[in-house]
Amino acid sequence: MEPTIVIGASHSFVLREALLLYESQGKSFVTRHNIASDDSKQPQLGPAQALTRDFLKTIYRGLHSTSAVEILPSNVLACTDSLLAWWSPARRHHMFFNDADRKMTPLSGRIFPHPTLVFAATERALYVRALSLSKRPDAATPLFVAPYWNTYRRGNVCLGSMRIPENVSVQSIAAWETSFFESAFTHPSDVAKLTNCKGGFVEMWNSLAGSTAPFPCRYLVNAEQTLSEFLNSIDD
């Protein structure tokens, strides 16, 4: 089979440079080489050169030269090639439970008040934290542990059978939130403390089922992390 690249028009390309990737036991590095031709017209690799930031920027601009400008809505907090973060105001929403000991299952499908949340999505993961105020956070805003099962210490969510969107984009924000809330919460994770409610997780959500009052922010546990620290800790 012969590979082809479709670029949508007729162009004459000349081989100018090459990148070589070296790997050994999980470590790797890349060298950059100019291309020269000898009398036989066969391409020859020039001496290895270190990669520079300017060179990588040139490649990046070339790969994204046809990308359309995307207007970001006010709920978006950060957007890179690999990550999208946004905040979701406090609201009432249903929750589903399917725990093995059935302590929470009787509450499945009920409507509960929820705190303001910060979500971050990558192609492979979803993260969530909580806020004590229902307003847009800034880089220094302190975050709180999201009071939900299936979430881990770093804020990452156990995806399980969650039907996640096919991409990470502004248009997919609603789908990510729907996937989070419409999946069943099944188990506690490695978070030492999910809530400051005296009766714990089960008592907190039992007391909130059907409530029309705002989520009691006194129940939130400080994550000891700012928004900037949270987003910079995500390495997926």
Protein backbone atom coordinates (compact mmCIF):
# COMPACT_ATOMS: atom_id res chain seq x y z
CA MET A 1 0.00 0.00 0.00
CA GLU A 2 1.35 3.43 -0.95
CA PRO A 3 0.59 6.27 1.50
CA THR A 4 -0.65 9.59 0.12
CA ILE A 5 -1.27 13.04 1.57
CA VAL A 6 -4.13 15.14 0.23
CA ILE A 7 -3.51 18.91 0.57
CA GLY A 8 -6.29 20.20 -1.65
CA ALA A 9 -4.15 21.80 -4.37
CA SER A 10 -1.11 21.23 -6.57
CA HIS A 11 2.18 22.13 -4.87
CA SER A 12 5.84 21.35 -5.45
CA PHE A 13 7.55 20.48 -2.17
CA VAL A 14 11.30 20.37 -1.54
CA LEU A 15 12.83 18.40 1.33
CA ARG A 16 14.69 20.96 3.47
CA GLU A 17 15.03 19.55 6.97
CA ALA A 18 14.50 16.33 8.92
CA LEU A 19 13.81 15.49 12.55
CA LEU A 20 15.20 12.28 14.05
CA LEU A 21 13.71 10.78 17.21
CA TYR A 22 15.98 8.68 19.47
CA GLU A 23 14.53 6.50 22.23
CA SER A 24 16.03 4.33 24.97
CA GLN A 25 14.33 2.83 28.03
CA GLY A 26 11.55 5.38 28.16
CA LYS A 27 13.79 8.39 27.47
CA SER A 28 13.93 10.23 24.17
CA PHE A 29 15.38 13.23 22.38
CA VAL A 30 15.05 14.81 18.94
CA THR A 31 17.70 16.20 16.61
CA ARG A 32 17.21 18.55 13.69
CA HIS A 33 19.15 18.16 10.42
CA ASN A 34 19.47 20.25 7.28
CA ILE A 35 19.14 18.27 4.05
CA ALA A 36 21.85 18.43 1.38
CA SER A 37 22.12 16.59 -1.95
CA ASP A 38 25.32 15.07 -3.33
CA ASP A 39 26.16 14.54 -6.99
CA SER A 40 23.80 11.54 -7.09
CA LYS A 41 20.93 13.81 -6.02
CA GLN A 42 20.32 11.60 -2.98
CA PRO A 43 19.30 13.54 0.17
CA GLN A 44 22.01 13.64 2.83
CA LEU A 45 21.55 14.51 6.49
CA GLY A 46 23.56 17.47 7.69
CA PRO A 47 25.06 17.74 11.21
CA ALA A 48 22.65 17.46 14.14
CA GLN A 49 21.32 20.70 15.57
CA ALA A 50 19.43 21.39 18.78
CA LEU A 51 15.75 22.22 18.50
CA THR A 52 14.89 25.84 19.20
CA ARG A 53 11.70 27.43 20.44
CA ASP A 54 11.45 29.52 17.26
CA PHE A 55 11.67 26.41 15.09
CA LEU A 56 8.89 24.68 17.04
CA LYS A 57 6.76 27.81 16.76
CA THR A 58 7.26 27.76 12.99
CA ILE A 59 6.04 24.16 12.81
CA TYR A 60 3.10 24.97 15.07
CA ARG A 61 2.03 27.91 12.90
CA GLY A 62 2.29 25.73 9.79
CA LEU A 63 0.10 23.01 11.30
CA HIS A 64 -2.53 25.53 12.40
CA SER A 65 -2.48 27.83 9.41
CA THR A 66 -6.00 26.79 8.39
CA SER A 67 -7.52 26.81 11.89
CA ALA A 68 -10.52 29.07 12.28
CA VAL A 69 -10.62 31.64 15.05
CA GLU A 70 -12.84 30.42 17.90
CA ILE A 71 -14.73 32.95 20.02
CA LEU A 72 -14.60 31.88 23.66
CA PRO A 73 -17.71 32.29 25.82
CA SER A 74 -17.46 33.91 29.25
CA ASN A 75 -17.56 30.59 31.14
CA VAL A 76 -14.27 29.40 29.58
CA LEU A 77 -11.31 29.83 31.96
CA ALA A 78 -8.45 28.41 29.91
CA CYS A 79 -7.98 26.89 26.48
CA THR A 80 -4.92 25.19 24.97
CA ASP A 81 -4.38 22.60 22.24
CA SER A 82 -4.82 19.82 24.81
CA LEU A 83 -7.00 21.26 27.60
CA LEU A 84 -10.23 23.18 28.04
CA ALA A 85 -11.32 24.55 31.44
CA TRP A 86 -14.58 26.26 32.34
CA TRP A 87 -16.74 27.09 35.34
CA SER A 88 -20.37 26.13 35.92
CA PRO A 89 -22.54 28.30 38.25
CA ALA A 90 -24.28 26.77 41.25
CA ARG A 91 -27.54 25.10 40.24
CA ARG A 92 -29.97 22.27 40.91
CA HIS A 93 -29.46 19.06 38.97
CA HIS A 94 -30.35 15.40 39.24
CA MET A 95 -27.85 12.74 40.35
CA PHE A 96 -27.77 9.00 39.86
CA PHE A 97 -26.31 6.46 42.29
CA ASN A 98 -25.54 2.76 41.92
CA ASP A 99 -23.48 1.78 44.95
CA ALA A 100 -22.91 -1.82 45.97
CA ASP A 101 -24.23 -1.44 49.54
CA ARG A 102 -27.24 0.59 48.30
CA LYS A 103 -26.84 3.38 50.87
CA MET A 104 -27.28 5.98 48.14
CA THR A 105 -29.32 4.08 45.55
CA PRO A 106 -32.71 5.20 47.01
CA LEU A 107 -31.71 8.79 46.15
CA SER A 108 -30.93 7.99 42.52
CA GLY A 109 -32.67 10.33 40.10
CA ARG A 110 -33.53 12.97 42.72
CA ILE A 111 -32.79 16.67 42.22
CA PHE A 112 -30.07 18.25 44.40
CA PRO A 113 -28.48 21.68 44.75
CA HIS A 114 -24.85 21.71 43.58
CA PRO A 115 -21.99 24.09 44.29
CA THR A 116 -20.28 26.18 41.64
CA LEU A 117 -17.90 23.86 39.79
CA VAL A 118 -14.73 24.14 37.75
CA PHE A 119 -14.30 21.51 35.03
CA ALA A 120 -11.22 20.75 32.97
CA ALA A 121 -11.26 18.28 30.08
CA THR A 122 -8.56 16.70 27.95
CA GLU A 123 -8.90 14.04 25.27
CA ARG A 124 -8.41 11.35 27.89
CA ALA A 125 -9.73 12.76 31.16
CA LEU A 126 -12.19 14.98 33.03
CA TYR A 127 -11.33 16.93 36.19
CA VAL A 128 -13.61 18.76 38.62
CA ARG A 129 -13.22 21.08 41.60
CA ALA A 130 -15.72 23.21 43.55
CA LEU A 131 -15.91 26.94 44.36
CA SER A 132 -17.33 28.61 47.43
CA LEU A 133 -18.83 31.50 45.44
CA SER A 134 -21.00 31.40 42.34
CA LYS A 135 -18.87 33.70 40.23
CA ARG A 136 -16.04 33.46 37.71
CA PRO A 137 -12.77 32.58 39.48
CA ASP A 138 -9.37 34.08 38.72
CA ALA A 139 -5.92 32.47 38.86
CA ALA A 140 -5.57 32.95 42.63
CA THR A 141 -9.07 31.76 43.59
CA PRO A 142 -8.90 28.91 46.15
CA LEU A 143 -10.58 25.69 45.08
CA PHE A 144 -12.45 23.08 47.06
CA VAL A 145 -12.84 19.33 46.73
CA ALA A 146 -15.80 18.45 44.49
CA PRO A 147 -18.14 16.57 46.89
CA TYR A 148 -18.77 13.60 44.62
CA TRP A 149 -17.96 9.92 44.50
CA ASN A 150 -15.91 8.69 41.53
CA THR A 151 -13.52 11.64 41.87
CA TYR A 152 -9.89 11.37 42.94
CA ARG A 153 -7.43 13.44 44.92
CA ARG A 154 -6.11 15.31 41.86
CA GLY A 155 -9.68 16.15 40.86
CA ASN A 156 -9.76 13.59 38.05
CA VAL A 157 -13.00 11.72 37.48
CA CYS A 158 -13.31 7.95 37.13
CA LEU A 159 -14.83 7.78 33.66
CA GLY A 160 -16.00 4.17 33.95
CA SER A 161 -18.86 3.74 31.51
CA MET A 162 -19.34 7.50 31.10
CA ARG A 163 -20.16 8.46 27.52
CA ILE A 164 -17.66 11.23 27.00
CA PRO A 165 -17.71 13.57 23.98
CA GLU A 166 -15.54 12.72 20.99
CA ASN A 167 -13.58 15.96 21.26
CA VAL A 168 -12.60 18.77 23.59
CA SER A 169 -14.04 22.03 22.29
CA VAL A 170 -16.23 24.91 23.37
CA GLN A 171 -19.14 23.20 21.62
CA SER A 172 -18.62 20.07 23.75
CA ILE A 173 -18.85 21.78 27.17
CA ALA A 174 -22.54 20.99 27.69
CA ALA A 175 -21.96 17.38 26.63
CA TRP A 176 -19.11 16.97 29.15
CA GLU A 177 -21.31 18.25 31.98
CA THR A 178 -24.21 16.06 30.88
CA SER A 179 -21.93 13.03 30.83
CA PHE A 180 -20.75 13.82 34.36
CA PHE A 181 -24.20 14.24 35.91
CA GLU A 182 -26.00 11.52 33.98
CA SER A 183 -23.48 8.82 34.88
CA ALA A 184 -24.06 6.87 38.07
CA PHE A 185 -21.89 7.70 41.08
CA THR A 186 -20.83 4.29 42.31
CA HIS A 187 -18.01 4.45 44.85
CA PRO A 188 -15.78 6.65 47.03
CA SER A 189 -12.21 7.05 45.81
CA ASP A 190 -8.86 8.08 47.31
CA VAL A 191 -10.05 11.46 48.62
CA ALA A 192 -9.65 11.37 52.41
CA LYS A 193 -12.56 13.75 53.02
CA LEU A 194 -15.28 14.73 50.54
CA THR A 195 -17.34 16.96 52.83
CA ASN A 196 -17.31 18.82 56.14
CA CYS A 197 -20.89 17.68 56.81
CA LYS A 198 -20.87 16.11 60.29
CA GLY A 199 -22.74 13.04 59.07
CA GLY A 200 -20.45 12.56 56.08
CA PHE A 201 -21.19 12.06 52.39
CA VAL A 202 -24.34 9.95 52.75
CA GLU A 203 -25.93 12.26 55.31
CA MET A 204 -25.10 15.37 53.26
CA TRP A 205 -26.80 14.22 50.06
CA ASN A 206 -29.73 12.74 52.00
CA SER A 207 -30.33 16.15 53.59
CA LEU A 208 -30.06 17.95 50.23
CA ALA A 209 -32.37 15.72 48.17
CA GLY A 210 -35.20 17.85 46.79
CA SER A 211 -33.95 21.02 48.49
CA THR A 212 -34.52 24.33 46.71
CA ALA A 213 -31.95 26.14 48.87
CA PRO A 214 -28.41 26.77 47.56
CA PHE A 215 -25.73 24.17 48.24
CA PRO A 216 -24.30 24.85 51.75
CA CYS A 217 -20.71 25.91 51.02
CA ARG A 218 -19.78 25.19 54.64
CA TYR A 219 -19.81 21.53 53.60
CA LEU A 220 -16.94 22.04 51.12
CA VAL A 221 -13.44 20.81 51.96
CA ASN A 222 -10.54 23.09 51.00
CA ALA A 223 -8.45 21.49 48.26
CA GLU A 224 -5.40 23.58 49.30
CA GLN A 225 -5.00 24.62 45.68
CA THR A 226 -5.64 27.71 43.57
CA LEU A 227 -7.18 27.64 40.11
CA SER A 228 -3.78 28.25 38.53
CA GLU A 229 -2.17 25.44 40.54
CA PHE A 230 -5.00 23.08 39.64
CA LEU A 231 -4.80 23.68 35.90
CA ASN A 232 -1.01 23.53 35.84
CA SER A 233 -1.09 20.18 37.67
CA ILE A 234 -3.00 18.53 34.81
CA ASP A 235 -0.57 16.63 32.62
CA ASP A 236 -2.84 14.44 30.45
